[in-house]
């Protein structure tokens, strides 16, 4: 089941968010986030190849007279695990993912943001602190298509819990040229977990 259509959201507007936009949304029975990444990868790389005759495109983020950036849509796209990548980039061990909802984890992330001069206005929730760190240290490296995967449960209430990583979910976001172009997950379909 899929839909391509206009979306209208009563949200703020900024350089990366518009209250009106076009999306392609689909649901697939018995599919998980690995299947969704494969479909997304095949669809985007296939469109680029069909339109440009190559997986590589030249993009001018500052207009036609600005610097040119080459974006390579050759599959497979890069895949990075959110928490593991933050640990590598910040050279620090994070609290266990299933403990991220604690006051201690919030203080750890808040101190980490202060140390690295990552701005996070109130409310400084754990999910917002994590999102700001991801924005500064992972998203900024995503020029070519990159799946940021395995978000903590605290950031992903509707995503199915990860099958092998406690405290994480089967969710991904696809970034191209530092911008989010896709956000998807294995659907949480356990009513007992949904009630929590």
C-alpha atoms as a PDB file:
ATOM      1  CA  UNK A   1       0.000   0.000   0.000  1.00  0.00           C
ATOM      2  CA  UNK A   2       1.476   3.372  -0.935  1.00  0.00           C
ATOM      3  CA  UNK A   3       0.531   7.001  -1.342  1.00  0.00           C
ATOM      4  CA  UNK A   4       2.268   9.906  -3.035  1.00  0.00           C
ATOM      5  CA  UNK A   5       0.765  13.198  -1.983  1.00  0.00           C
ATOM      6  CA  UNK A   6       0.916  16.600  -0.340  1.00  0.00           C
ATOM      7  CA  UNK A   7       1.337  16.853   3.416  1.00  0.00           C
ATOM      8  CA  UNK A   8       0.387  19.800   5.615  1.00  0.00           C
ATOM      9  CA  UNK A   9       1.693  20.011   9.169  1.00  0.00           C
ATOM     10  CA  UNK A  10       1.018  22.671  11.745  1.00  0.00           C
ATOM     11  CA  UNK A  11       4.678  23.107  12.622  1.00  0.00           C
ATOM     12  CA  UNK A  12       7.286  25.832  12.461  1.00  0.00           C
ATOM     13  CA  UNK A  13       9.213  26.648   9.326  1.00  0.00           C
ATOM     14  CA  UNK A  14      12.994  26.898   9.041  1.00  0.00           C
ATOM     15  CA  UNK A  15      15.787  26.125   6.577  1.00  0.00           C
ATOM     16  CA  UNK A  16      15.105  22.375   6.821  1.00  0.00           C
ATOM     17  CA  UNK A  17      11.371  22.202   7.606  1.00  0.00           C
ATOM     18  CA  UNK A  18       8.418  23.349   5.554  1.00  0.00           C
ATOM     19  CA  UNK A  19       4.810  22.902   6.762  1.00  0.00           C
ATOM     20  CA  UNK A  20       3.802  21.817   3.230  1.00  0.00           C
ATOM     21  CA  UNK A  21       5.691  19.113   1.361  1.00  0.00           C
ATOM     22  CA  UNK A  22       5.274  16.059  -0.880  1.00  0.00           C
ATOM     23  CA  UNK A  23       5.902  12.532   0.366  1.00  0.00           C
ATOM     24  CA  UNK A  24       5.855   8.967  -0.786  1.00  0.00           C
ATOM     25  CA  UNK A  25       4.633   6.768   2.048  1.00  0.00           C
ATOM     26  CA  UNK A  26       4.238   3.010   1.946  1.00  0.00           C
ATOM     27  CA  UNK A  27       3.437   0.084   4.193  1.00  0.00           C
ATOM     28  CA  UNK A  28       4.380  -3.495   3.466  1.00  0.00           C
ATOM     29  CA  UNK A  29       3.142  -6.512   5.364  1.00  0.00           C
ATOM     30  CA  UNK A  30       5.761  -8.797   6.891  1.00  0.00           C
ATOM     31  CA  UNK A  31       8.536  -6.325   6.009  1.00  0.00           C
ATOM     32  CA  UNK A  32      11.086  -5.021   8.492  1.00  0.00           C
ATOM     33  CA  UNK A  33      13.433  -2.062   8.384  1.00  0.00           C
ATOM     34  CA  UNK A  34      16.030  -4.023   6.419  1.00  0.00           C
ATOM     35  CA  UNK A  35      13.453  -4.554   3.657  1.00  0.00           C
ATOM     36  CA  UNK A  36      12.486  -0.871   3.794  1.00  0.00           C
ATOM     37  CA  UNK A  37      16.112   0.237   3.463  1.00  0.00           C
ATOM     38  CA  UNK A  38      16.581  -2.051   0.448  1.00  0.00           C
ATOM     39  CA  UNK A  39      13.439  -0.720  -1.256  1.00  0.00           C
ATOM     40  CA  UNK A  40      14.396   2.899  -0.511  1.00  0.00           C
ATOM     41  CA  UNK A  41      17.932   2.322  -1.783  1.00  0.00           C
ATOM     42  CA  UNK A  42      16.754   0.646  -4.988  1.00  0.00           C
ATOM     43  CA  UNK A  43      14.099   3.295  -5.645  1.00  0.00           C
ATOM     44  CA  UNK A  44      16.372   6.327  -5.132  1.00  0.00           C
ATOM     45  CA  UNK A  45      19.456   4.928  -6.852  1.00  0.00           C
ATOM     46  CA  UNK A  46      17.280   3.655  -9.715  1.00  0.00           C
ATOM     47  CA  UNK A  47      15.639   7.068 -10.204  1.00  0.00           C
ATOM     48  CA  UNK A  48      18.988   8.858 -10.191  1.00  0.00           C
ATOM     49  CA  UNK A  49      20.465   6.393 -12.698  1.00  0.00           C
ATOM     50  CA  UNK A  50      17.373   6.603 -14.925  1.00  0.00           C
ATOM     51  CA  UNK A  51      17.295  10.409 -14.912  1.00  0.00           C
ATOM     52  CA  UNK A  52      21.043  11.160 -15.070  1.00  0.00           C
ATOM     53  CA  UNK A  53      22.439   8.039 -16.746  1.00  0.00           C
ATOM     54  CA  UNK A  54      24.768   7.648 -13.773  1.00  0.00           C
ATOM     55  CA  UNK A  55      24.560   7.118 -10.016  1.00  0.00           C
ATOM     56  CA  UNK A  56      26.625  10.278  -9.544  1.00  0.00           C
ATOM     57  CA  UNK A  57      25.083  13.735  -9.684  1.00  0.00           C
ATOM     58  CA  UNK A  58      26.516  17.199  -9.304  1.00  0.00           C
ATOM     59  CA  UNK A  59      24.708  19.441  -6.835  1.00  0.00           C
ATOM     60  CA  UNK A  60      25.176  23.164  -6.235  1.00  0.00           C
ATOM     61  CA  UNK A  61      23.930  23.805  -2.669  1.00  0.00           C
ATOM     62  CA  UNK A  62      24.580  27.559  -2.945  1.00  0.00           C
ATOM     63  CA  UNK A  63      23.076  28.009  -6.412  1.00  0.00           C
ATOM     64  CA  UNK A  64      24.477  27.523  -9.930  1.00  0.00           C
ATOM     65  CA  UNK A  65      27.449  29.839  -9.332  1.00  0.00           C
ATOM     66  CA  UNK A  66      28.394  28.191  -6.041  1.00  0.00           C
ATOM     67  CA  UNK A  67      30.663  25.279  -5.305  1.00  0.00           C
ATOM     68  CA  UNK A  68      29.718  21.956  -6.905  1.00  0.00           C
ATOM     69  CA  UNK A  69      29.357  18.833  -4.777  1.00  0.00           C
ATOM     70  CA  UNK A  70      29.257  15.331  -6.249  1.00  0.00           C
ATOM     71  CA  UNK A  71      26.721  12.996  -4.635  1.00  0.00           C
ATOM     72  CA  UNK A  72      27.129   9.280  -5.283  1.00  0.00           C
ATOM     73  CA  UNK A  73      23.912   7.233  -5.166  1.00  0.00           C
ATOM     74  CA  UNK A  74      25.698   3.967  -6.014  1.00  0.00           C
ATOM     75  CA  UNK A  75      24.178   1.181  -3.916  1.00  0.00           C
ATOM     76  CA  UNK A  76      24.650  -0.038  -1.283  1.00  0.00           C
ATOM     77  CA  UNK A  77      24.282   3.159   0.736  1.00  0.00           C
ATOM     78  CA  UNK A  78      26.400   3.636   3.853  1.00  0.00           C
ATOM     79  CA  UNK A  79      24.795   2.371   7.077  1.00  0.00           C
ATOM     80  CA  UNK A  80      25.775   3.666  10.518  1.00  0.00           C
ATOM     81  CA  UNK A  81      24.459   2.689  13.927  1.00  0.00           C
ATOM     82  CA  UNK A  82      23.499   5.850  15.819  1.00  0.00           C
ATOM     83  CA  UNK A  83      24.904   5.206  19.308  1.00  0.00           C
ATOM     84  CA  UNK A  84      28.001   3.295  18.156  1.00  0.00           C
ATOM     85  CA  UNK A  85      28.869   6.076  15.703  1.00  0.00           C
ATOM     86  CA  UNK A  86      28.434   8.780  18.356  1.00  0.00           C
ATOM     87  CA  UNK A  87      30.695   6.786  20.681  1.00  0.00           C
ATOM     88  CA  UNK A  88      33.370   6.580  17.977  1.00  0.00           C
ATOM     89  CA  UNK A  89      33.153  10.239  16.983  1.00  0.00           C
ATOM     90  CA  UNK A  90      33.093  11.553  20.565  1.00  0.00           C
ATOM     91  CA  UNK A  91      35.536   8.951  21.930  1.00  0.00           C
ATOM     92  CA  UNK A  92      33.292   8.134  24.879  1.00  0.00           C
ATOM     93  CA  UNK A  93      31.229   5.150  26.088  1.00  0.00           C
ATOM     94  CA  UNK A  94      27.507   5.920  26.248  1.00  0.00           C
ATOM     95  CA  UNK A  95      25.199   4.507  28.925  1.00  0.00           C
ATOM     96  CA  UNK A  96      23.533   1.254  27.891  1.00  0.00           C
ATOM     97  CA  UNK A  97      20.665   1.999  25.498  1.00  0.00           C
ATOM     98  CA  UNK A  98      18.095   0.490  27.864  1.00  0.00           C
ATOM     99  CA  UNK A  99      19.231   2.955  30.573  1.00  0.00           C
ATOM    100  CA  UNK A 100      18.911   6.114  28.443  1.00  0.00           C
ATOM    101  CA  UNK A 101      15.647   7.094  30.132  1.00  0.00           C
ATOM    102  CA  UNK A 102      17.436   7.650  33.471  1.00  0.00           C
ATOM    103  CA  UNK A 103      18.375  10.962  35.065  1.00  0.00           C
ATOM    104  CA  UNK A 104      22.024   9.862  34.975  1.00  0.00           C
ATOM    105  CA  UNK A 105      21.895   9.344  31.195  1.00  0.00           C
ATOM    106  CA  UNK A 106      20.273  12.747  30.734  1.00  0.00           C
ATOM    107  CA  UNK A 107      23.068  14.379  32.762  1.00  0.00           C
ATOM    108  CA  UNK A 108      25.703  12.454  30.789  1.00  0.00           C
ATOM    109  CA  UNK A 109      24.251  13.689  27.476  1.00  0.00           C
ATOM    110  CA  UNK A 110      23.750  17.225  28.768  1.00  0.00           C
ATOM    111  CA  UNK A 111      27.381  17.371  29.936  1.00  0.00           C
ATOM    112  CA  UNK A 112      28.503  15.936  26.584  1.00  0.00           C
ATOM    113  CA  UNK A 113      26.616  18.651  24.705  1.00  0.00           C
ATOM    114  CA  UNK A 114      28.160  21.345  26.901  1.00  0.00           C
ATOM    115  CA  UNK A 115      31.656  19.893  26.451  1.00  0.00           C
ATOM    116  CA  UNK A 116      31.312  19.882  22.646  1.00  0.00           C
ATOM    117  CA  UNK A 117      29.416  23.209  22.493  1.00  0.00           C
ATOM    118  CA  UNK A 118      26.286  21.595  21.064  1.00  0.00           C
ATOM    119  CA  UNK A 119      23.343  23.923  21.628  1.00  0.00           C
ATOM    120  CA  UNK A 120      20.136  22.379  22.946  1.00  0.00           C
ATOM    121  CA  UNK A 121      17.549  24.830  24.242  1.00  0.00           C
ATOM    122  CA  UNK A 122      15.011  23.765  26.859  1.00  0.00           C
ATOM    123  CA  UNK A 123      13.471  21.369  27.344  1.00  0.00           C
ATOM    124  CA  UNK A 124      16.711  19.375  27.485  1.00  0.00           C
ATOM    125  CA  UNK A 125      15.122  15.943  27.254  1.00  0.00           C
ATOM    126  CA  UNK A 126      17.271  12.914  26.579  1.00  0.00           C
ATOM    127  CA  UNK A 127      15.730  12.483  23.125  1.00  0.00           C
ATOM    128  CA  UNK A 128      16.427  16.136  22.201  1.00  0.00           C
ATOM    129  CA  UNK A 129      20.010  15.960  23.507  1.00  0.00           C
ATOM    130  CA  UNK A 130      20.653  12.815  21.465  1.00  0.00           C
ATOM    131  CA  UNK A 131      19.084  14.374  18.384  1.00  0.00           C
ATOM    132  CA  UNK A 132      21.315  17.459  18.693  1.00  0.00           C
ATOM    133  CA  UNK A 133      24.449  15.308  19.032  1.00  0.00           C
ATOM    134  CA  UNK A 134      23.426  13.265  15.986  1.00  0.00           C
ATOM    135  CA  UNK A 135      22.814  16.491  14.049  1.00  0.00           C
ATOM    136  CA  UNK A 136      26.246  17.894  14.823  1.00  0.00           C
ATOM    137  CA  UNK A 137      28.369  14.735  14.641  1.00  0.00           C
ATOM    138  CA  UNK A 138      26.669  12.309  12.226  1.00  0.00           C
ATOM    139  CA  UNK A 139      24.267  14.175   9.933  1.00  0.00           C
ATOM    140  CA  UNK A 140      26.993  16.668   9.003  1.00  0.00           C
ATOM    141  CA  UNK A 141      29.019  13.794   7.505  1.00  0.00           C
ATOM    142  CA  UNK A 142      26.163  12.507   5.343  1.00  0.00           C
ATOM    143  CA  UNK A 143      26.889  13.902   1.880  1.00  0.00           C
ATOM    144  CA  UNK A 144      26.373  10.646   0.006  1.00  0.00           C
ATOM    145  CA  UNK A 145      23.230   8.689   0.978  1.00  0.00           C
ATOM    146  CA  UNK A 146      23.610   7.351   4.517  1.00  0.00           C
ATOM    147  CA  UNK A 147      21.213   5.363   6.690  1.00  0.00           C
ATOM    148  CA  UNK A 148      21.445   6.345  10.365  1.00  0.00           C
ATOM    149  CA  UNK A 149      20.029   3.266  12.091  1.00  0.00           C
ATOM    150  CA  UNK A 150      19.044   1.677  15.368  1.00  0.00           C
ATOM    151  CA  UNK A 151      17.619   4.672  17.232  1.00  0.00           C
ATOM    152  CA  UNK A 152      17.113   4.350  20.994  1.00  0.00           C
ATOM    153  CA  UNK A 153      13.615   3.463  22.183  1.00  0.00           C
ATOM    154  CA  UNK A 154      13.409   6.803  23.958  1.00  0.00           C
ATOM    155  CA  UNK A 155      13.451   8.523  20.532  1.00  0.00           C
ATOM    156  CA  UNK A 156      11.157   6.097  18.704  1.00  0.00           C
ATOM    157  CA  UNK A 157       7.932   5.270  20.545  1.00  0.00           C
ATOM    158  CA  UNK A 158       6.148   3.698  17.521  1.00  0.00           C
ATOM    159  CA  UNK A 159       9.076   1.634  16.231  1.00  0.00           C
ATOM    160  CA  UNK A 160       9.475  -2.063  16.985  1.00  0.00           C
ATOM    161  CA  UNK A 161      12.113  -2.867  19.559  1.00  0.00           C
ATOM    162  CA  UNK A 162      15.365  -4.103  18.066  1.00  0.00           C
ATOM    163  CA  UNK A 163      15.517  -7.902  17.837  1.00  0.00           C
ATOM    164  CA  UNK A 164      19.071  -8.165  19.226  1.00  0.00           C
ATOM    165  CA  UNK A 165      20.071  -4.784  20.737  1.00  0.00           C
ATOM    166  CA  UNK A 166      18.352  -4.047  24.043  1.00  0.00           C
ATOM    167  CA  UNK A 167      17.056  -0.478  24.356  1.00  0.00           C
ATOM    168  CA  UNK A 168      17.221   0.205  20.598  1.00  0.00           C
ATOM    169  CA  UNK A 169      14.615   0.092  17.831  1.00  0.00           C
ATOM    170  CA  UNK A 170      14.484  -1.040  14.220  1.00  0.00           C
ATOM    171  CA  UNK A 171      14.348   2.489  12.836  1.00  0.00           C
ATOM    172  CA  UNK A 172      16.382   4.391  10.261  1.00  0.00           C
ATOM    173  CA  UNK A 173      16.631   7.826   8.745  1.00  0.00           C
ATOM    174  CA  UNK A 174      18.191   8.357   5.322  1.00  0.00           C
ATOM    175  CA  UNK A 175      20.280  11.495   4.877  1.00  0.00           C
ATOM    176  CA  UNK A 176      21.605  12.953   1.630  1.00  0.00           C
ATOM    177  CA  UNK A 177      23.634  16.155   1.526  1.00  0.00           C
ATOM    178  CA  UNK A 178      23.083  16.535   5.298  1.00  0.00           C
ATOM    179  CA  UNK A 179      19.289  16.541   4.882  1.00  0.00           C
ATOM    180  CA  UNK A 180      16.792  13.909   6.015  1.00  0.00           C
ATOM    181  CA  UNK A 181      14.956  12.404   3.061  1.00  0.00           C
ATOM    182  CA  UNK A 182      13.415   9.334   4.716  1.00  0.00           C
ATOM    183  CA  UNK A 183      12.362   8.236   8.200  1.00  0.00           C
ATOM    184  CA  UNK A 184      11.086   4.675   8.603  1.00  0.00           C
ATOM    185  CA  UNK A 185      10.917   1.736  10.956  1.00  0.00           C
ATOM    186  CA  UNK A 186       9.626  -1.736  11.531  1.00  0.00           C
ATOM    187  CA  UNK A 187       6.099  -1.160  12.854  1.00  0.00           C
ATOM    188  CA  UNK A 188       5.538  -1.804  16.543  1.00  0.00           C
ATOM    189  CA  UNK A 189       2.660  -4.282  16.423  1.00  0.00           C
ATOM    190  CA  UNK A 190       2.738  -5.734  19.938  1.00  0.00           C
ATOM    191  CA  UNK A 191      -0.254  -4.270  21.842  1.00  0.00           C
ATOM    192  CA  UNK A 192       1.340  -4.986  25.240  1.00  0.00           C
ATOM    193  CA  UNK A 193       4.420  -2.931  24.327  1.00  0.00           C
ATOM    194  CA  UNK A 194       2.252  -0.190  22.782  1.00  0.00           C
ATOM    195  CA  UNK A 195       0.412   0.228  26.105  1.00  0.00           C
ATOM    196  CA  UNK A 196       3.716   0.947  27.865  1.00  0.00           C
END
